[in-house]
Amino acid sequence: MNSHDDPECVRALRYYEEQRLLSPERTASGQRRYTEDSVELVRLFQRFYAAGLSSRVIATLLPCMNTGRTTMEQRRMLRTERDRLAGRVDEMAKALHELDRLITAADQRGD
C-alpha cells in the first residue's frame, strides 16, 4: 500500500498499529510494508469506527476476522454490537423520514 503520500492515512495506520490491530511486515531496512489484506482490514476498521465500535471491541473481534472462528464471548459481542447498530439505523431512518416530510412540506409551500 502506498500510504506515505497521505498524512491522514499514515496517522490512521500508525494508530491501528499502536492499538495492536495491525502489524505490518517490515523491510530489511525496517520500513513498514502493508499488504492488500492490510488495506482491506483498514477499510473494515474505518467502517467499524464510523459505526461506533471501540478499539477494544475491534481488538476483541480481530481473531475471528482473521480465522473466521469465534468463541461464545465473541459471538455475544458481535450480536450486541449488531443490535446496537440496528437501533441506530432505526433512529436514523426515523430522522430521515422526518427530514423528507419537512422537505416535502416546504416544497409544497414553495419556501
N, C-alpha and C. Protein backbone atom coordinates (compact mmCIF):
# COMPACT_ATOMS: atom_id res chain seq x y z
N MET A 1 0.85 -1.18 0.00
CA MET A 1 0.00 0.00 0.00
C MET A 1 0.89 1.22 0.00
N ASN A 2 0.65 2.13 -0.87
CA ASN A 2 1.44 3.35 -0.96
C ASN A 2 0.77 4.43 -0.13
N SER A 3 1.01 4.41 1.17
CA SER A 3 0.33 5.31 2.09
C SER A 3 1.15 6.52 2.46
N HIS A 4 2.43 6.54 2.08
CA HIS A 4 3.30 7.61 2.53
C HIS A 4 2.94 8.97 1.95
N ASP A 5 2.11 9.00 0.91
CA ASP A 5 1.72 10.26 0.30
C ASP A 5 0.54 10.91 1.01
N ASP A 6 -0.15 10.19 1.85
CA ASP A 6 -1.36 10.67 2.50
C ASP A 6 -1.15 10.72 4.02
N PRO A 7 -0.90 11.93 4.59
CA PRO A 7 -0.63 12.04 6.02
C PRO A 7 -1.76 11.48 6.89
N GLU A 8 -3.01 11.64 6.46
CA GLU A 8 -4.14 11.12 7.23
C GLU A 8 -4.10 9.60 7.27
N CYS A 9 -3.78 9.00 6.15
CA CYS A 9 -3.68 7.56 6.06
C CYS A 9 -2.53 7.06 6.95
N VAL A 10 -1.40 7.77 6.91
CA VAL A 10 -0.25 7.38 7.74
C VAL A 10 -0.63 7.42 9.21
N ARG A 11 -1.33 8.48 9.65
CA ARG A 11 -1.76 8.58 11.04
C ARG A 11 -2.68 7.42 11.41
N ALA A 12 -3.61 7.10 10.51
CA ALA A 12 -4.55 6.01 10.78
C ALA A 12 -3.81 4.68 10.90
N LEU A 13 -2.89 4.43 9.99
CA LEU A 13 -2.13 3.18 10.03
C LEU A 13 -1.32 3.08 11.31
N ARG A 14 -0.67 4.15 11.70
CA ARG A 14 0.12 4.14 12.94
C ARG A 14 -0.79 3.93 14.16
N TYR A 15 -1.96 4.57 14.14
CA TYR A 15 -2.90 4.40 15.24
C TYR A 15 -3.33 2.94 15.35
N TYR A 16 -3.68 2.33 14.23
CA TYR A 16 -4.10 0.93 14.25
C TYR A 16 -2.96 0.04 14.74
N GLU A 17 -1.76 0.39 14.36
CA GLU A 17 -0.60 -0.38 14.82
C GLU A 17 -0.42 -0.21 16.34
N GLU A 18 -0.55 1.03 16.84
CA GLU A 18 -0.44 1.28 18.28
C GLU A 18 -1.51 0.52 19.06
N GLN A 19 -2.70 0.40 18.48
CA GLN A 19 -3.80 -0.30 19.13
C GLN A 19 -3.67 -1.82 18.98
N ARG A 20 -2.61 -2.25 18.32
CA ARG A 20 -2.34 -3.67 18.06
C ARG A 20 -3.40 -4.31 17.17
N LEU A 21 -3.96 -3.49 16.28
CA LEU A 21 -4.94 -4.00 15.33
C LEU A 21 -4.26 -4.41 14.02
N LEU A 22 -3.10 -3.83 13.76
CA LEU A 22 -2.34 -4.11 12.54
C LEU A 22 -0.90 -4.40 12.92
N SER A 23 -0.28 -5.31 12.24
CA SER A 23 1.16 -5.49 12.41
C SER A 23 1.77 -5.66 11.02
N PRO A 24 2.27 -4.55 10.49
CA PRO A 24 2.78 -4.59 9.12
C PRO A 24 4.08 -5.40 9.03
N GLU A 25 4.32 -5.87 7.84
CA GLU A 25 5.61 -6.51 7.57
C GLU A 25 6.66 -5.41 7.58
N ARG A 26 7.89 -5.79 7.78
CA ARG A 26 8.99 -4.82 7.76
C ARG A 26 10.00 -5.23 6.68
N THR A 27 10.52 -4.22 6.00
CA THR A 27 11.57 -4.47 5.03
C THR A 27 12.88 -4.68 5.80
N ALA A 28 13.93 -5.06 5.08
CA ALA A 28 15.24 -5.26 5.70
C ALA A 28 15.73 -3.97 6.38
N SER A 29 15.32 -2.83 5.84
CA SER A 29 15.74 -1.54 6.43
C SER A 29 14.78 -1.06 7.51
N GLY A 30 13.74 -1.87 7.83
CA GLY A 30 12.83 -1.53 8.92
C GLY A 30 11.61 -0.73 8.52
N GLN A 31 11.45 -0.46 7.23
CA GLN A 31 10.27 0.29 6.79
C GLN A 31 9.04 -0.61 6.86
N ARG A 32 7.91 0.01 7.21
CA ARG A 32 6.65 -0.73 7.25
C ARG A 32 6.20 -1.06 5.83
N ARG A 33 5.63 -2.25 5.69
CA ARG A 33 5.11 -2.66 4.39
C ARG A 33 3.73 -3.25 4.62
N TYR A 34 2.72 -2.63 4.01
CA TYR A 34 1.34 -3.07 4.17
C TYR A 34 0.90 -3.86 2.95
N THR A 35 0.24 -4.96 3.19
CA THR A 35 -0.25 -5.81 2.11
C THR A 35 -1.65 -5.35 1.69
N GLU A 36 -2.14 -5.91 0.60
CA GLU A 36 -3.51 -5.62 0.17
C GLU A 36 -4.51 -6.07 1.23
N ASP A 37 -4.21 -7.19 1.91
CA ASP A 37 -5.09 -7.63 3.01
C ASP A 37 -5.14 -6.59 4.11
N SER A 38 -4.01 -5.93 4.37
CA SER A 38 -3.97 -4.87 5.37
C SER A 38 -4.87 -3.71 4.96
N VAL A 39 -4.85 -3.39 3.68
CA VAL A 39 -5.69 -2.30 3.17
C VAL A 39 -7.16 -2.61 3.42
N GLU A 40 -7.56 -3.84 3.10
CA GLU A 40 -8.96 -4.24 3.32
C GLU A 40 -9.30 -4.22 4.81
N LEU A 41 -8.37 -4.65 5.63
CA LEU A 41 -8.59 -4.65 7.08
C LEU A 41 -8.75 -3.21 7.59
N VAL A 42 -7.94 -2.30 7.09
CA VAL A 42 -8.05 -0.89 7.48
C VAL A 42 -9.41 -0.34 7.08
N ARG A 43 -9.88 -0.67 5.90
CA ARG A 43 -11.21 -0.21 5.47
C ARG A 43 -12.29 -0.75 6.40
N LEU A 44 -12.15 -2.01 6.82
CA LEU A 44 -13.10 -2.59 7.75
C LEU A 44 -13.04 -1.86 9.09
N PHE A 45 -11.82 -1.59 9.60
CA PHE A 45 -11.67 -0.85 10.85
C PHE A 45 -12.36 0.51 10.75
N GLN A 46 -12.15 1.18 9.64
CA GLN A 46 -12.75 2.52 9.47
C GLN A 46 -14.27 2.44 9.47
N ARG A 47 -14.83 1.41 8.85
CA ARG A 47 -16.29 1.24 8.89
C ARG A 47 -16.75 0.96 10.31
N PHE A 48 -16.02 0.11 11.02
CA PHE A 48 -16.37 -0.20 12.40
C PHE A 48 -16.28 1.04 13.29
N TYR A 49 -15.19 1.81 13.14
CA TYR A 49 -15.06 3.04 13.92
C TYR A 49 -16.20 4.01 13.61
N ALA A 50 -16.51 4.17 12.34
CA ALA A 50 -17.59 5.07 11.93
C ALA A 50 -18.92 4.61 12.52
N ALA A 51 -19.07 3.31 12.71
CA ALA A 51 -20.30 2.77 13.27
C ALA A 51 -20.32 2.84 14.80
N GLY A 52 -19.20 3.29 15.39
CA GLY A 52 -19.17 3.47 16.83
C GLY A 52 -18.50 2.35 17.62
N LEU A 53 -17.88 1.39 16.96
CA LEU A 53 -17.17 0.35 17.69
C LEU A 53 -15.86 0.92 18.21
N SER A 54 -15.48 0.52 19.40
CA SER A 54 -14.24 1.00 20.01
C SER A 54 -13.06 0.13 19.58
N SER A 55 -11.85 0.65 19.82
CA SER A 55 -10.64 -0.13 19.54
C SER A 55 -10.66 -1.43 20.33
N ARG A 56 -11.13 -1.37 21.56
CA ARG A 56 -11.18 -2.56 22.41
C ARG A 56 -12.07 -3.63 21.79
N VAL A 57 -13.26 -3.22 21.33
CA VAL A 57 -14.18 -4.18 20.72
C VAL A 57 -13.58 -4.75 19.44
N ILE A 58 -13.00 -3.88 18.62
CA ILE A 58 -12.40 -4.35 17.37
C ILE A 58 -11.27 -5.32 17.66
N ALA A 59 -10.43 -4.98 18.66
CA ALA A 59 -9.32 -5.88 19.02
C ALA A 59 -9.84 -7.23 19.49
N THR A 60 -10.94 -7.22 20.23
CA THR A 60 -11.52 -8.48 20.71
C THR A 60 -12.06 -9.31 19.56
N LEU A 61 -12.57 -8.64 18.54
CA LEU A 61 -13.15 -9.35 17.39
C LEU A 61 -12.12 -9.70 16.32
N LEU A 62 -10.94 -9.11 16.39
CA LEU A 62 -9.92 -9.31 15.36
C LEU A 62 -9.59 -10.78 15.12
N PRO A 63 -9.41 -11.60 16.16
CA PRO A 63 -9.11 -13.01 15.88
C PRO A 63 -10.17 -13.70 15.02
N CYS A 64 -11.45 -13.40 15.24
CA CYS A 64 -12.46 -14.06 14.42
C CYS A 64 -12.48 -13.50 13.00
N MET A 65 -12.04 -12.25 12.83
CA MET A 65 -11.93 -11.70 11.48
C MET A 65 -10.80 -12.41 10.73
N ASN A 66 -9.74 -12.75 11.45
CA ASN A 66 -8.59 -13.40 10.82
C ASN A 66 -8.83 -14.87 10.54
N THR A 67 -9.56 -15.56 11.42
CA THR A 67 -9.70 -17.01 11.28
C THR A 67 -11.08 -17.46 10.83
N GLY A 68 -12.08 -16.59 10.99
CA GLY A 68 -13.45 -16.98 10.68
C GLY A 68 -14.09 -17.79 11.79
N ARG A 69 -13.35 -18.04 12.86
CA ARG A 69 -13.85 -18.81 14.00
C ARG A 69 -14.12 -17.86 15.16
N THR A 70 -15.14 -18.14 15.93
CA THR A 70 -15.49 -17.28 17.06
C THR A 70 -15.70 -18.10 18.33
N THR A 71 -15.48 -17.42 19.44
CA THR A 71 -15.81 -18.00 20.73
C THR A 71 -17.23 -17.57 21.07
N MET A 72 -17.80 -18.17 22.10
CA MET A 72 -19.13 -17.78 22.54
C MET A 72 -19.14 -16.30 22.94
N GLU A 73 -18.09 -15.86 23.62
CA GLU A 73 -18.00 -14.45 24.03
C GLU A 73 -17.96 -13.52 22.82
N GLN A 74 -17.19 -13.88 21.80
CA GLN A 74 -17.12 -13.06 20.59
C GLN A 74 -18.48 -13.01 19.89
N ARG A 75 -19.17 -14.14 19.82
CA ARG A 75 -20.50 -14.16 19.18
C ARG A 75 -21.46 -13.28 19.96
N ARG A 76 -21.36 -13.31 21.28
CA ARG A 76 -22.22 -12.47 22.11
C ARG A 76 -21.91 -10.99 21.83
N MET A 77 -20.63 -10.66 21.74
CA MET A 77 -20.24 -9.28 21.44
C MET A 77 -20.70 -8.87 20.04
N LEU A 78 -20.54 -9.76 19.06
CA LEU A 78 -21.00 -9.47 17.71
C LEU A 78 -22.49 -9.16 17.69
N ARG A 79 -23.27 -9.98 18.38
CA ARG A 79 -24.72 -9.76 18.43
C ARG A 79 -25.06 -8.46 19.15
N THR A 80 -24.34 -8.17 20.25
CA THR A 80 -24.58 -6.93 20.99
C THR A 80 -24.32 -5.72 20.10
N GLU A 81 -23.19 -5.74 19.40
CA GLU A 81 -22.84 -4.62 18.51
C GLU A 81 -23.82 -4.53 17.35
N ARG A 82 -24.24 -5.66 16.82
CA ARG A 82 -25.20 -5.67 15.73
C ARG A 82 -26.53 -5.07 16.17
N ASP A 83 -26.98 -5.46 17.37
CA ASP A 83 -28.24 -4.93 17.90
C ASP A 83 -28.14 -3.43 18.15
N ARG A 84 -26.99 -2.99 18.68
CA ARG A 84 -26.78 -1.56 18.92
C ARG A 84 -26.83 -0.79 17.61
N LEU A 85 -26.16 -1.31 16.58
CA LEU A 85 -26.17 -0.65 15.28
C LEU A 85 -27.55 -0.65 14.64
N ALA A 86 -28.27 -1.75 14.78
CA ALA A 86 -29.63 -1.82 14.23
C ALA A 86 -30.51 -0.76 14.87
N GLY A 87 -30.34 -0.55 16.17
CA GLY A 87 -31.09 0.50 16.84
C GLY A 87 -30.74 1.88 16.31
N ARG A 88 -29.46 2.10 16.06
CA ARG A 88 -29.03 3.39 15.48
C ARG A 88 -29.59 3.57 14.08
N VAL A 89 -29.59 2.50 13.30
CA VAL A 89 -30.12 2.57 11.93
C VAL A 89 -31.61 2.92 11.98
N ASP A 90 -32.35 2.30 12.89
CA ASP A 90 -33.77 2.61 13.05
C ASP A 90 -33.98 4.08 13.38
N GLU A 91 -33.20 4.59 14.32
CA GLU A 91 -33.32 6.00 14.70
C GLU A 91 -32.95 6.92 13.54
N MET A 92 -31.93 6.56 12.80
CA MET A 92 -31.54 7.37 11.64
C MET A 92 -32.61 7.33 10.56
N ALA A 93 -33.24 6.17 10.37
CA ALA A 93 -34.32 6.05 9.38
C ALA A 93 -35.49 6.95 9.76
N LYS A 94 -35.79 7.01 11.06
CA LYS A 94 -36.87 7.89 11.53
C LYS A 94 -36.51 9.35 11.29
N ALA A 95 -35.26 9.72 11.57
CA ALA A 95 -34.82 11.09 11.33
C ALA A 95 -34.87 11.42 9.84
N LEU A 96 -34.45 10.48 9.01
CA LEU A 96 -34.51 10.67 7.56
C LEU A 96 -35.95 10.88 7.11
N HIS A 97 -36.86 10.09 7.63
CA HIS A 97 -38.27 10.22 7.29
C HIS A 97 -38.79 11.61 7.67
N GLU A 98 -38.42 12.08 8.84
CA GLU A 98 -38.86 13.42 9.28
C GLU A 98 -38.28 14.51 8.40
N LEU A 99 -37.02 14.38 8.01
CA LEU A 99 -36.42 15.35 7.10
C LEU A 99 -37.13 15.36 5.76
N ASP A 100 -37.43 14.16 5.25
CA ASP A 100 -38.18 14.06 3.98
C ASP A 100 -39.54 14.74 4.11
N ARG A 101 -40.20 14.54 5.24
CA ARG A 101 -41.51 15.15 5.48
C ARG A 101 -41.40 16.68 5.49
N LEU A 102 -40.37 17.20 6.16
CA LEU A 102 -40.17 18.65 6.20
C LEU A 102 -39.85 19.21 4.82
N ILE A 103 -39.03 18.50 4.07
CA ILE A 103 -38.68 18.95 2.71
C ILE A 103 -39.93 18.97 1.82
N THR A 104 -40.72 17.92 1.89
CA THR A 104 -41.94 17.85 1.09
C THR A 104 -42.89 18.99 1.45
N ALA A 105 -43.07 19.24 2.74
CA ALA A 105 -43.95 20.32 3.19
C ALA A 105 -43.43 21.67 2.70
N ALA A 106 -42.12 21.88 2.78
CA ALA A 106 -41.54 23.15 2.34
C ALA A 106 -41.68 23.31 0.83
N ASP A 107 -41.48 22.21 0.08
CA ASP A 107 -41.63 22.27 -1.38
C ASP A 107 -43.07 22.59 -1.76
N GLN A 108 -44.02 22.03 -1.04
CA GLN A 108 -45.43 22.28 -1.35
C GLN A 108 -45.82 23.72 -1.07
N ARG A 109 -45.19 24.33 -0.05
CA ARG A 109 -45.48 25.72 0.27
C ARG A 109 -44.73 26.67 -0.64
N GLY A 110 -43.68 26.13 -1.31
CA GLY A 110 -42.89 26.96 -2.21
C GLY A 110 -41.85 27.78 -1.47
N ASP A 111 -41.49 27.36 -0.27
CA ASP A 111 -40.47 28.10 0.53
C ASP A 111 -39.12 28.07 -0.13
